[in-house]
């Protein structure tokens, strides 16, 4: 398989990078190539419990990622648009190495990122250096938890009660309930950015966002989830039994929650898209190399017009996705109110194209692509996760379309 991991130039027509951007790209690409991709191939074959066990290569990757110097606090002083661009470059390069491991590196920074969005310096300092996760989905609430006003609910439907509730009581917050098995990084995190319902006038409503230390009394975890793809990203349930957190850990309460969730998704969705552009780029580059090496009909595959046609459209889709993602991130980093419709559009485009590119790449590999001896079957499994991660694409499209409607007319 290593014969196919050739060093083709990065598939990008971005404008020239600054020295700082090029340094980040080169450092992350080197780490992805030498550490993340080899580790990801081996970890993918392990059970979910073995993957995060002491001595696993997973921990080597997490420790090595710290040396890249890309913590939220370290980059907080950088101008917002440039900070977003650096994070975008790093995210794609690491994801080119391995989707699951790149996502694991990203999610451990989420509590610090959300503290930064909330302009809470105390919590930013608290989160710095700690492995984190973001808990929003619940057993009975998936993508609908991204819709605090329940505007996407069926008009005759009844929304089931929340599975997790946090109540403010004086100088502390009391948390009870459960978050679903899809909490990314839950099995290895030290802290959690918890988004959930609260109680107002005796009735649950969204919402509240709070930083929760996962070693607090009353916190427990389920088993790591066994999945089809992105297996190097551990996911699992979190349980809260009368967990007490100081009021200082509050990021936002009910009055600010809707706007805060808007900012959260406007930031999170594009980075999810970049993860799967990285996966698609890895598949594209492998297919391009294979097409030059593999012969069919007496000539290399690349000489067949149909293969050239396929590879061109793979290149086109990746470039279009990356361009939309970078444009969205630049806008959202500079605008007073970030564009959620832009974030949804860029995430959907990138994850759909990433999956399509990985699927086409496997087709170019033919029967070899179906085997575990070659990297394409893993990349296809990894790429498939993008259509669901951070809000399934169908729900995000409905949420984005709803923003196009002038509600004053109806």
Protein backbone atom coordinates (compact mmCIF):
# COMPACT_ATOMS: atom_id res chain seq x y z
CA UNK A 1 0.00 0.00 0.00
CA UNK A 2 2.88 2.39 0.72
CA UNK A 3 3.71 2.39 -3.00
CA UNK A 4 0.61 4.50 -3.55
CA UNK A 5 1.35 7.13 -0.90
CA UNK A 6 3.29 9.27 -3.35
CA UNK A 7 4.01 12.96 -2.89
CA UNK A 8 1.90 14.62 -5.54
CA UNK A 9 1.63 18.41 -5.11
CA UNK A 10 -1.27 19.57 -2.97
CA UNK A 11 -4.40 19.79 -5.07
CA UNK A 12 -5.02 23.46 -4.56
CA UNK A 13 -5.21 26.66 -6.59
CA UNK A 14 -5.22 28.93 -3.56
CA UNK A 15 -3.38 32.27 -3.84
CA UNK A 16 0.21 32.22 -2.58
CA UNK A 17 0.46 31.60 1.15
CA UNK A 18 2.22 33.83 3.62
CA UNK A 19 5.32 32.45 5.33
CA UNK A 20 3.23 31.76 8.45
CA UNK A 21 0.55 29.91 6.46
CA UNK A 22 3.11 27.86 4.55
CA UNK A 23 4.85 26.94 7.81
CA UNK A 24 1.55 25.73 9.32
CA UNK A 25 0.72 23.77 6.16
CA UNK A 26 4.14 22.12 6.00
CA UNK A 27 4.23 21.23 9.71
CA UNK A 28 0.71 19.77 9.65
CA UNK A 29 1.32 17.90 6.40
CA UNK A 30 4.51 16.37 7.79
CA UNK A 31 2.72 15.32 10.98
CA UNK A 32 -0.19 13.93 8.96
CA UNK A 33 2.07 12.01 6.59
CA UNK A 34 4.57 10.63 9.09
CA UNK A 35 2.38 10.14 12.18
CA UNK A 36 -1.36 10.41 11.60
CA UNK A 37 -1.84 8.35 8.45
CA UNK A 38 0.24 5.34 9.56
CA UNK A 39 -1.36 5.44 13.01
CA UNK A 40 -4.86 5.79 11.55
CA UNK A 41 -4.44 2.73 9.34
CA UNK A 42 -3.45 0.62 12.35
CA UNK A 43 -6.01 2.05 14.77
CA UNK A 44 -8.83 1.52 12.26
CA UNK A 45 -8.36 -2.24 12.69
CA UNK A 46 -8.77 -2.16 16.49
CA UNK A 47 -11.95 -2.25 18.54
CA UNK A 48 -13.21 1.06 19.89
CA UNK A 49 -11.98 0.15 23.39
CA UNK A 50 -8.55 -0.98 22.17
CA UNK A 51 -8.16 2.22 20.18
CA UNK A 52 -8.19 4.44 23.29
CA UNK A 53 -6.53 2.00 25.71
CA UNK A 54 -3.30 3.01 27.48
CA UNK A 55 -0.33 2.47 25.19
CA UNK A 56 -2.40 2.94 22.03
CA UNK A 57 -0.92 4.99 19.19
CA UNK A 58 -3.95 7.24 19.61
CA UNK A 59 -2.26 8.86 22.59
CA UNK A 60 0.98 9.37 20.65
CA UNK A 61 -0.97 11.32 18.05
CA UNK A 62 -2.76 13.44 20.65
CA UNK A 63 0.52 14.30 22.36
CA UNK A 64 2.30 14.97 19.08
CA UNK A 65 -0.44 17.34 17.95
CA UNK A 66 0.36 19.64 20.85
CA UNK A 67 3.72 20.44 19.29
CA UNK A 68 1.94 22.03 16.30
CA UNK A 69 1.16 25.04 18.52
CA UNK A 70 -2.44 25.36 17.34
CA UNK A 71 -4.29 25.64 20.64
CA UNK A 72 -7.15 28.14 20.75
CA UNK A 73 -5.52 30.20 23.49
CA UNK A 74 -2.19 30.31 21.65
CA UNK A 75 -3.92 31.69 18.56
CA UNK A 76 -6.48 33.90 20.31
CA UNK A 77 -4.41 37.05 19.80
CA UNK A 78 -4.15 36.55 16.03
CA UNK A 79 -6.46 38.68 13.90
CA UNK A 80 -9.73 36.69 13.47
CA UNK A 81 -9.68 36.26 9.69
CA UNK A 82 -6.06 35.12 9.71
CA UNK A 83 -6.72 32.83 12.67
CA UNK A 84 -9.60 31.21 10.77
CA UNK A 85 -7.40 30.72 7.72
CA UNK A 86 -4.60 29.11 9.73
CA UNK A 87 -7.06 26.75 11.42
CA UNK A 88 -8.54 25.94 8.00
CA UNK A 89 -5.16 25.07 6.52
CA UNK A 90 -4.24 22.94 9.53
CA UNK A 91 -7.60 21.14 9.55
CA UNK A 92 -7.39 20.09 5.91
CA UNK A 93 -3.79 18.91 6.18
CA UNK A 94 -4.40 16.81 9.29
CA UNK A 95 -7.58 15.36 7.79
CA UNK A 96 -5.63 14.44 4.67
CA UNK A 97 -3.67 12.22 7.04
CA UNK A 98 -6.63 10.67 8.86
CA UNK A 99 -10.22 11.87 9.26
CA UNK A 100 -10.86 10.37 12.68
CA UNK A 101 -7.60 11.47 14.26
CA UNK A 102 -7.90 14.98 12.81
CA UNK A 103 -11.42 15.26 14.20
CA UNK A 104 -10.17 14.00 17.57
CA UNK A 105 -7.52 16.74 17.60
CA UNK A 106 -10.13 19.37 16.65
CA UNK A 107 -12.83 18.41 19.15
CA UNK A 108 -10.47 18.53 22.09
CA UNK A 109 -10.18 22.28 21.41
CA UNK A 110 -13.93 22.91 21.22
CA UNK A 111 -14.56 23.98 24.85
CA UNK A 112 -11.78 26.55 24.53
CA UNK A 113 -13.15 27.73 21.18
CA UNK A 114 -16.65 28.19 22.59
CA UNK A 115 -15.24 30.01 25.61
CA UNK A 116 -13.51 32.34 23.16
CA UNK A 117 -16.77 32.88 21.24
CA UNK A 118 -18.50 33.64 24.56
CA UNK A 119 -15.71 36.11 25.37
CA UNK A 120 -15.15 34.28 28.67
CA UNK A 121 -11.44 34.67 29.44
CA UNK A 122 -11.68 32.75 32.72
CA UNK A 123 -13.05 29.68 30.95
CA UNK A 124 -10.60 30.06 28.07
CA UNK A 125 -7.76 29.90 30.60
CA UNK A 126 -9.45 26.98 32.37
CA UNK A 127 -9.89 24.97 29.15
CA UNK A 128 -6.39 25.59 27.83
CA UNK A 129 -4.35 22.38 27.70
CA UNK A 130 -7.28 20.13 28.65
CA UNK A 131 -8.75 17.54 26.29
CA UNK A 132 -12.30 18.57 25.52
CA UNK A 133 -15.51 17.51 23.81
CA UNK A 134 -18.80 19.14 22.76
CA UNK A 135 -22.01 17.49 23.97
CA UNK A 136 -25.24 18.60 22.30
CA UNK A 137 -27.03 15.56 20.80
CA UNK A 138 -29.16 13.30 23.00
CA UNK A 139 -30.78 9.86 22.68
CA UNK A 140 -34.10 11.44 21.67
CA UNK A 141 -32.69 14.59 20.06
CA UNK A 142 -30.18 14.59 17.20
CA UNK A 143 -29.99 17.35 14.61
CA UNK A 144 -33.17 18.91 16.05
CA UNK A 145 -31.07 20.13 18.98
CA UNK A 146 -29.54 22.54 16.48
CA UNK A 147 -32.97 24.20 16.20
CA UNK A 148 -33.72 25.92 19.52
CA UNK A 149 -37.05 27.33 18.32
CA UNK A 150 -38.28 23.96 17.01
CA UNK A 151 -39.12 25.74 13.76
CA UNK A 152 -38.34 22.61 11.74
CA UNK A 153 -40.69 20.38 13.72
CA UNK A 154 -43.75 18.91 12.08
CA UNK A 155 -46.76 21.18 12.83
CA UNK A 156 -48.65 18.26 14.37
CA UNK A 157 -45.67 16.73 16.10
CA UNK A 158 -44.92 16.82 19.80
CA UNK A 159 -41.30 17.34 20.73
CA UNK A 160 -40.21 14.75 23.30
CA UNK A 161 -38.80 15.92 26.60
CA UNK A 162 -35.08 16.67 26.76
CA UNK A 163 -32.75 13.96 27.98
CA UNK A 164 -30.43 16.42 29.73
CA UNK A 165 -31.28 19.50 31.81
CA UNK A 166 -29.11 22.02 33.64
CA UNK A 167 -30.63 24.32 36.26
CA UNK A 168 -29.08 27.44 37.73
CA UNK A 169 -29.43 27.43 41.52
CA UNK A 170 -27.74 30.38 43.16
CA UNK A 171 -23.99 30.22 42.61
CA UNK A 172 -23.99 26.78 41.01
CA UNK A 173 -25.46 24.80 38.10
CA UNK A 174 -27.04 21.38 38.67
CA UNK A 175 -26.96 18.96 35.73
CA UNK A 176 -29.01 15.79 35.30
CA UNK A 177 -29.53 13.48 32.35
CA UNK A 178 -27.75 11.94 29.41
CA UNK A 179 -26.01 12.92 26.20
CA UNK A 180 -26.02 10.44 23.33
CA UNK A 181 -23.35 8.06 22.09
CA UNK A 182 -22.38 10.57 19.39
CA UNK A 183 -20.43 12.91 21.69
CA UNK A 184 -17.12 13.13 19.84
CA UNK A 185 -14.11 12.70 22.10
CA UNK A 186 -16.28 11.85 25.11
CA UNK A 187 -14.25 8.80 26.08
CA UNK A 188 -10.94 10.66 26.32
CA UNK A 189 -12.02 14.21 27.25
CA UNK A 190 -11.26 15.92 30.53
CA UNK A 191 -13.81 18.70 30.08
CA UNK A 192 -17.04 19.13 28.16
CA UNK A 193 -18.79 22.05 26.49
CA UNK A 194 -22.33 21.04 27.41
CA UNK A 195 -25.27 22.49 25.47
CA UNK A 196 -28.64 21.47 26.87
CA UNK A 197 -32.08 22.54 28.08
CA UNK A 198 -32.82 24.38 31.28
CA UNK A 199 -36.01 24.91 33.29
CA UNK A 200 -37.91 28.19 33.00
CA UNK A 201 -41.20 28.58 34.90
CA UNK A 202 -41.34 24.84 35.43
CA UNK A 203 -40.92 24.00 31.73
CA UNK A 204 -37.80 22.81 29.89
CA UNK A 205 -36.49 25.04 27.14
CA UNK A 206 -33.27 25.52 25.27
CA UNK A 207 -30.94 26.46 26.52
CA UNK A 208 -27.74 26.83 28.40
CA UNK A 209 -24.07 26.28 27.62
CA UNK A 210 -21.63 25.40 30.37
CA UNK A 211 -18.12 23.99 30.77
CA UNK A 212 -18.24 20.76 32.79
CA UNK A 213 -15.19 18.98 34.24
CA UNK A 214 -15.71 15.29 33.48
CA UNK A 215 -14.03 14.19 36.72
CA UNK A 216 -16.77 15.92 38.73
CA UNK A 217 -18.82 13.71 41.10
CA UNK A 218 -21.88 12.32 39.31
CA UNK A 219 -20.33 12.18 35.82
CA UNK A 220 -20.04 8.78 34.16
CA UNK A 221 -19.45 7.50 30.64
CA UNK A 222 -20.80 4.70 28.49
CA UNK A 223 -18.78 2.43 26.24
CA UNK A 224 -16.98 3.78 23.17
CA UNK A 225 -19.11 3.44 20.06
CA UNK A 226 -18.25 0.90 17.35
CA UNK A 227 -18.69 2.60 13.97
CA UNK A 228 -18.33 2.02 10.25
CA UNK A 229 -16.02 4.97 9.58
CA UNK A 230 -14.02 7.70 11.30
CA UNK A 231 -13.17 4.98 13.80
CA UNK A 232 -10.19 6.89 15.21
CA UNK A 233 -12.60 9.50 16.59
CA UNK A 234 -13.89 8.02 19.84
CA UNK A 235 -17.54 8.73 20.57
CA UNK A 236 -19.77 7.72 23.46
CA UNK A 237 -22.43 8.60 26.02
CA UNK A 238 -22.11 10.98 28.94
CA UNK A 239 -24.32 10.70 32.05
CA UNK A 240 -24.92 13.39 34.67
CA UNK A 241 -26.37 12.61 38.10
CA UNK A 242 -26.81 15.80 40.16
CA UNK A 243 -23.52 17.14 38.86
CA UNK A 244 -22.65 20.51 40.42
CA UNK A 245 -20.66 23.11 38.47
CA UNK A 246 -19.76 26.63 39.69
CA UNK A 247 -21.74 29.44 38.07
CA UNK A 248 -18.40 30.78 36.77
CA UNK A 249 -18.42 27.88 34.27
CA UNK A 250 -21.51 29.25 32.54
CA UNK A 251 -20.88 30.37 28.95
CA UNK A 252 -24.39 31.60 28.18
CA UNK A 253 -27.85 31.34 29.67
CA UNK A 254 -31.28 31.19 28.02
CA UNK A 255 -31.34 34.85 26.97
CA UNK A 256 -28.21 34.52 24.83
CA UNK A 257 -28.44 30.84 23.92
CA UNK A 258 -30.07 31.17 20.49
CA UNK A 259 -27.49 33.68 19.27
CA UNK A 260 -24.67 31.67 20.82
CA UNK A 261 -25.80 28.49 19.08
CA UNK A 262 -25.95 30.46 15.81
CA UNK A 263 -22.32 31.52 16.30
CA UNK A 264 -21.32 28.00 17.34
CA UNK A 265 -22.73 26.35 14.22
CA UNK A 266 -21.44 29.10 11.97
CA UNK A 267 -17.95 28.23 13.22
CA UNK A 268 -18.25 24.45 13.58
CA UNK A 269 -19.88 23.56 10.25
CA UNK A 270 -17.12 24.89 7.96
CA UNK A 271 -14.41 23.06 9.91
CA UNK A 272 -16.40 19.84 9.60
CA UNK A 273 -16.48 20.50 5.86
CA UNK A 274 -12.70 20.96 5.80
CA UNK A 275 -12.21 17.60 7.49
CA UNK A 276 -13.95 15.90 4.59
CA UNK A 277 -12.22 17.99 1.94
CA UNK A 278 -9.05 16.55 3.46
CA UNK A 279 -10.44 13.04 3.11
CA UNK A 280 -11.52 13.69 -0.47
CA UNK A 281 -8.13 15.16 -1.33
CA UNK A 282 -6.37 12.10 0.06
CA UNK A 283 -8.59 9.85 -2.08
CA UNK A 284 -8.08 12.02 -5.17
CA UNK A 285 -4.31 12.05 -4.85
CA UNK A 286 -4.16 8.30 -4.31
CA UNK A 287 -6.36 7.73 -7.37
CA UNK A 288 -4.24 10.09 -9.47
CA UNK A 289 -1.09 8.20 -8.51
CA UNK A 290 -2.72 4.83 -9.11
CA UNK A 291 -3.97 5.94 -12.54
CA UNK A 292 -0.39 6.65 -13.58
CA UNK A 293 0.85 3.28 -12.33
CA UNK A 294 -1.93 0.80 -13.10
CA UNK A 295 -2.34 -0.43 -16.68
CA UNK A 296 -5.52 -1.48 -18.46
CA UNK A 297 -5.85 -2.18 -22.15
CA UNK A 298 -2.09 -2.06 -22.48
CA UNK A 299 -1.69 1.55 -21.25
CA UNK A 300 -1.75 3.36 -17.89
CA UNK A 301 -5.27 4.18 -16.70
CA UNK A 302 -4.55 7.91 -16.94
CA UNK A 303 -4.37 7.63 -20.76
CA UNK A 304 -8.01 6.57 -20.93
CA UNK A 305 -10.29 9.56 -21.54
CA UNK A 306 -12.91 8.32 -19.09
CA UNK A 307 -10.34 8.23 -16.28
CA UNK A 308 -9.13 11.73 -17.17
CA UNK A 309 -12.76 12.88 -17.13
CA UNK A 310 -13.35 11.34 -13.68
CA UNK A 311 -10.19 12.81 -12.19
CA UNK A 312 -10.98 16.27 -13.56
CA UNK A 313 -14.38 16.32 -11.87
CA UNK A 314 -12.82 15.08 -8.63
CA UNK A 315 -10.35 17.97 -8.77
CA UNK A 316 -13.15 20.43 -9.61
CA UNK A 317 -15.31 19.38 -6.69
CA UNK A 318 -12.49 19.66 -4.16
CA UNK A 319 -11.49 23.11 -5.39
CA UNK A 320 -15.09 24.37 -5.32
CA UNK A 321 -15.66 23.00 -1.83
CA UNK A 322 -12.44 24.47 -0.45
CA UNK A 323 -13.12 27.86 -2.00
CA UNK A 324 -16.60 28.06 -0.48
CA UNK A 325 -15.31 26.95 2.92
CA UNK A 326 -12.51 29.53 2.98
CA UNK A 327 -14.84 32.28 1.82
CA UNK A 328 -17.38 31.39 4.51
CA UNK A 329 -14.76 31.27 7.25
CA UNK A 330 -13.34 34.65 6.21
CA UNK A 331 -16.80 36.21 6.20
CA UNK A 332 -17.86 34.70 9.50
CA UNK A 333 -14.62 35.75 11.17
CA UNK A 334 -15.14 39.38 10.17
CA UNK A 335 -18.93 39.88 10.17
CA UNK A 336 -20.81 41.15 13.19
CA UNK A 337 -23.35 38.38 12.63
CA UNK A 338 -21.87 35.26 11.00
CA UNK A 339 -23.70 33.63 8.12
CA UNK A 340 -25.32 30.38 9.18
CA UNK A 341 -26.64 29.81 5.67
CA UNK A 342 -23.08 30.14 4.41
CA UNK A 343 -21.86 27.67 7.04
CA UNK A 344 -24.59 25.16 6.15
CA UNK A 345 -23.93 25.58 2.43
CA UNK A 346 -20.18 25.09 2.77
CA UNK A 347 -20.51 22.06 5.06
CA UNK A 348 -23.05 20.34 2.83
CA UNK A 349 -21.07 21.05 -0.33
CA UNK A 350 -17.78 19.88 1.14
CA UNK A 351 -19.06 16.68 2.74
CA UNK A 352 -21.14 15.70 -0.30
CA UNK A 353 -18.26 16.35 -2.69
CA UNK A 354 -15.78 14.67 -0.34
CA UNK A 355 -17.86 11.51 -0.34
CA UNK A 356 -18.37 11.62 -4.11
CA UNK A 357 -14.65 12.03 -4.70
CA UNK A 358 -13.79 9.13 -2.39
CA UNK A 359 -16.38 6.97 -4.16
CA UNK A 360 -14.95 7.84 -7.60
CA UNK A 361 -11.43 7.17 -6.34
CA UNK A 362 -12.41 3.69 -5.21
CA UNK A 363 -13.97 3.05 -8.62
CA UNK A 364 -10.67 3.96 -10.30
CA UNK A 365 -8.92 1.44 -8.05
CA UNK A 366 -11.45 -1.17 -9.22
CA UNK A 367 -11.47 -4.44 -7.31
CA UNK A 368 -8.31 -3.45 -5.46
CA UNK A 369 -10.21 -0.54 -3.93
CA UNK A 370 -12.57 -2.95 -2.20
CA UNK A 371 -9.78 -4.70 -0.31
CA UNK A 372 -8.20 -3.70 2.99
CA UNK A 373 -4.77 -4.00 1.37
CA UNK A 374 -5.42 -0.64 -0.27
CA UNK A 375 -6.48 2.60 1.49
CA UNK A 376 -9.62 3.44 -0.47
CA UNK A 377 -12.16 1.32 1.38
CA UNK A 378 -11.18 3.04 4.65
CA UNK A 379 -11.31 6.49 3.06
CA UNK A 380 -14.78 5.78 1.66
CA UNK A 381 -16.01 4.67 5.09
CA UNK A 382 -14.49 7.78 6.65
CA UNK A 383 -15.94 10.12 4.02
CA UNK A 384 -19.44 8.72 4.49
CA UNK A 385 -19.55 10.05 8.05
CA UNK A 386 -19.44 13.64 6.81
CA UNK A 387 -23.00 13.55 5.50
CA UNK A 388 -24.24 13.11 9.09
CA UNK A 389 -21.61 14.74 11.30
CA UNK A 390 -22.44 18.09 12.96
CA UNK A 391 -26.02 17.97 11.73
CA UNK A 392 -27.18 15.72 8.90
CA UNK A 393 -27.07 17.48 5.54
CA UNK A 394 -30.82 17.21 5.01
CA UNK A 395 -31.59 19.03 8.26
CA UNK A 396 -28.96 21.69 7.64
CA UNK A 397 -30.43 22.33 4.19
CA UNK A 398 -33.86 22.86 5.77
CA UNK A 399 -32.34 25.18 8.38
CA UNK A 400 -30.53 27.12 5.66
CA UNK A 401 -33.59 27.33 3.44
CA UNK A 402 -35.67 28.65 6.31
CA UNK A 403 -33.36 31.68 6.49
CA UNK A 404 -34.30 32.59 2.94
CA UNK A 405 -37.92 33.12 3.91
CA UNK A 406 -39.15 36.58 4.79
CA UNK A 407 -41.37 35.67 7.73
CA UNK A 408 -42.85 39.17 7.81
CA UNK A 409 -44.82 38.29 4.68
CA UNK A 410 -46.59 35.32 6.28
